[in-house]
Amino acid sequence: MVFNVGEDLLSTVLAVSLLAIFMAALVHSYHIYAERRNAFDDFNLAIDVAEQLQERVLVSPGNRGLLEPSGEKLENYSKILALQDVNLRVEIRSMTGEVVLCGGKEPSPIQGYFSPPAGVSLPVAVKCGTGSARPCELSVRVWRD
């Protein structure tokens, strides 16, 4: 069996093309898997941060379960997360839409396109005066640099 130069070249090009298509498909499937895994991890991180804020950071000293809005406590917690390369944006809004507390940095639109922030909203009770509380929404968004 004798091959000509043209046939050898064609079969080599065909084999390399099939190998390149297979490698591209493999890289693409791994990329999709990594995106899903990162989204899941970021969502778990957002839930953990929201629970930490609700149970330890912003909790009122005498009343367990009531939040006491404090920009200073939120800023300190945000600095702790920044040491781990995690950015934080927190908003507490009343049911009428009034902003009770807002802190953290806003994600840039370009950065949010490539690595969108994960967010979670939880119902909370915020202390507003002596012995009274009002229902609010705690919105937490986290993302990594």
Protein backbone atom coordinates (compact mmCIF):
# COMPACT_ATOMS: atom_id res chain seq x y z
CA MET A 1 0.00 0.00 0.00
CA VAL A 2 1.60 3.20 -1.15
CA PHE A 3 0.42 6.64 -0.07
CA ASN A 4 1.00 9.79 -1.93
CA VAL A 5 2.09 13.05 -0.31
CA GLY A 6 -1.35 14.57 -0.80
CA GLU A 7 -3.13 11.68 0.92
CA ASP A 8 -0.73 11.71 3.88
CA LEU A 9 -1.16 15.44 4.31
CA LEU A 10 -4.96 15.22 4.10
CA SER A 11 -5.15 12.45 6.69
CA THR A 12 -2.81 14.38 9.03
CA VAL A 13 -4.88 17.55 8.71
CA LEU A 14 -8.07 15.58 9.33
CA ALA A 15 -6.63 13.88 12.44
CA VAL A 16 -5.33 17.17 13.86
CA SER A 17 -8.67 18.89 13.16
CA LEU A 18 -10.62 16.17 14.98
CA LEU A 19 -8.21 16.37 17.90
CA ALA A 20 -8.58 20.17 18.05
CA ILE A 21 -12.40 19.92 18.03
CA PHE A 22 -12.29 17.33 20.80
CA MET A 23 -9.97 19.52 22.91
CA ALA A 24 -12.18 22.59 22.38
CA ALA A 25 -15.26 20.63 23.50
CA LEU A 26 -13.40 19.33 26.55
CA VAL A 27 -12.22 22.82 27.57
CA HIS A 28 -15.71 24.25 27.06
CA SER A 29 -17.37 21.57 29.20
CA TYR A 30 -14.84 22.13 31.99
CA HIS A 31 -15.45 25.89 31.80
CA ILE A 32 -19.22 25.38 32.18
CA TYR A 33 -18.63 23.02 35.13
CA ALA A 34 -16.32 25.54 36.83
CA GLU A 35 -18.82 28.37 36.37
CA ARG A 36 -21.60 26.32 37.98
CA ARG A 37 -19.36 25.28 40.85
CA ASN A 38 -18.28 28.89 41.47
CA ALA A 39 -21.89 30.11 41.37
CA PHE A 40 -22.87 27.45 43.91
CA ASP A 41 -19.92 28.33 46.17
CA ASP A 42 -20.65 32.06 45.94
CA PHE A 43 -24.32 31.49 46.81
CA ASN A 44 -23.31 29.43 49.85
CA LEU A 45 -20.93 32.22 50.83
CA ALA A 46 -23.74 34.79 50.52
CA ILE A 47 -25.99 32.70 52.76
CA ASP A 48 -23.21 32.25 55.33
CA VAL A 49 -22.43 35.98 55.37
CA ALA A 50 -26.11 36.88 55.74
CA GLU A 51 -26.47 34.46 58.65
CA GLN A 52 -23.32 35.85 60.29
CA LEU A 53 -24.68 39.38 59.96
CA GLN A 54 -28.05 38.34 61.33
CA GLU A 55 -26.79 36.22 64.23
CA ARG A 56 -23.50 37.80 65.32
CA VAL A 57 -22.50 41.08 63.71
CA LEU A 58 -25.61 43.29 63.68
CA VAL A 59 -27.52 41.64 66.52
CA SER A 60 -28.79 43.87 69.30
CA PRO A 61 -26.91 43.19 72.58
CA GLY A 62 -29.95 42.64 74.78
CA ASN A 63 -32.44 41.24 72.31
CA ARG A 64 -31.55 38.10 70.41
CA GLY A 65 -33.12 38.15 66.97
CA LEU A 66 -33.38 41.92 66.68
CA LEU A 67 -30.89 43.73 64.50
CA GLU A 68 -29.39 47.02 65.52
CA PRO A 69 -28.14 48.82 62.37
CA SER A 70 -24.54 49.87 62.87
CA GLY A 71 -22.38 51.14 60.04
CA GLU A 72 -19.26 50.71 62.17
CA LYS A 73 -19.89 47.00 62.85
CA LEU A 74 -20.71 46.44 59.21
CA GLU A 75 -17.54 48.22 58.09
CA ASN A 76 -15.40 46.13 60.46
CA TYR A 77 -16.96 42.90 59.19
CA SER A 78 -16.47 44.06 55.61
CA LYS A 79 -12.76 44.62 56.32
CA ILE A 80 -12.45 41.10 57.71
CA LEU A 81 -14.00 39.69 54.53
CA ALA A 82 -11.77 41.90 52.37
CA LEU A 83 -8.73 40.16 53.86
CA GLN A 84 -10.11 36.97 52.30
CA ASP A 85 -10.68 38.71 48.92
CA VAL A 86 -14.45 38.79 49.42
CA ASN A 87 -16.34 42.01 48.73
CA LEU A 88 -19.60 42.77 50.49
CA ARG A 89 -22.62 44.99 49.84
CA VAL A 90 -25.37 45.08 52.48
CA GLU A 91 -28.70 46.89 52.44
CA ILE A 92 -31.42 46.82 55.05
CA ARG A 93 -34.72 48.16 53.73
CA SER A 94 -38.02 48.56 55.50
CA MET A 95 -41.19 47.16 53.95
CA THR A 96 -42.01 50.65 52.67
CA GLY A 97 -38.70 50.78 50.76
CA GLU A 98 -36.86 53.13 53.12
CA VAL A 99 -33.15 52.38 53.42
CA VAL A 100 -32.29 51.70 57.06
CA LEU A 101 -28.63 50.75 56.53
CA CYS A 102 -26.49 50.57 53.43
CA GLY A 103 -22.84 49.64 53.44
CA GLY A 104 -20.03 48.11 51.49
CA LYS A 105 -18.81 48.87 48.04
CA GLU A 106 -20.86 48.68 44.87
CA PRO A 107 -19.69 46.11 42.30
CA SER A 108 -18.49 47.60 39.04
CA PRO A 109 -20.64 46.72 36.01
CA ILE A 110 -17.70 45.40 34.00
CA GLN A 111 -16.45 43.23 36.85
CA GLY A 112 -20.01 42.03 37.51
CA TYR A 113 -20.24 40.82 33.93
CA PHE A 114 -17.33 38.40 34.25
CA SER A 115 -17.91 37.45 37.88
CA PRO A 116 -21.46 38.35 38.90
CA PRO A 117 -22.16 38.90 42.59
CA ALA A 118 -24.19 36.30 44.43
CA GLY A 119 -26.96 37.66 46.58
CA VAL A 120 -29.52 36.64 49.13
CA SER A 121 -32.35 38.46 50.90
CA LEU A 122 -33.64 37.52 54.32
CA PRO A 123 -36.49 38.89 56.45
CA VAL A 124 -35.27 40.51 59.67
CA ALA A 125 -36.62 42.57 62.54
CA VAL A 126 -34.82 45.86 63.16
CA LYS A 127 -34.81 47.62 66.50
CA CYS A 128 -36.25 51.11 66.19
CA GLY A 129 -36.56 52.72 69.56
CA THR A 130 -37.25 51.37 73.01
CA GLY A 131 -38.90 47.98 72.84
CA SER A 132 -40.24 48.27 69.31
CA ALA A 133 -39.17 46.61 66.11
CA ARG A 134 -40.14 46.78 62.48
CA PRO A 135 -39.93 44.15 59.76
CA CYS A 136 -37.25 44.73 57.16
CA GLU A 137 -35.34 42.97 54.41
CA LEU A 138 -31.63 42.21 54.69
CA SER A 139 -30.05 42.08 51.21
CA VAL A 140 -26.50 40.76 50.99
CA ARG A 141 -24.39 40.62 47.83
CA VAL A 142 -20.90 39.09 47.82
CA TRP A 143 -18.32 38.64 45.08
CA ARG A 144 -14.66 37.84 44.75
CA ASP A 145 -12.00 39.92 43.04
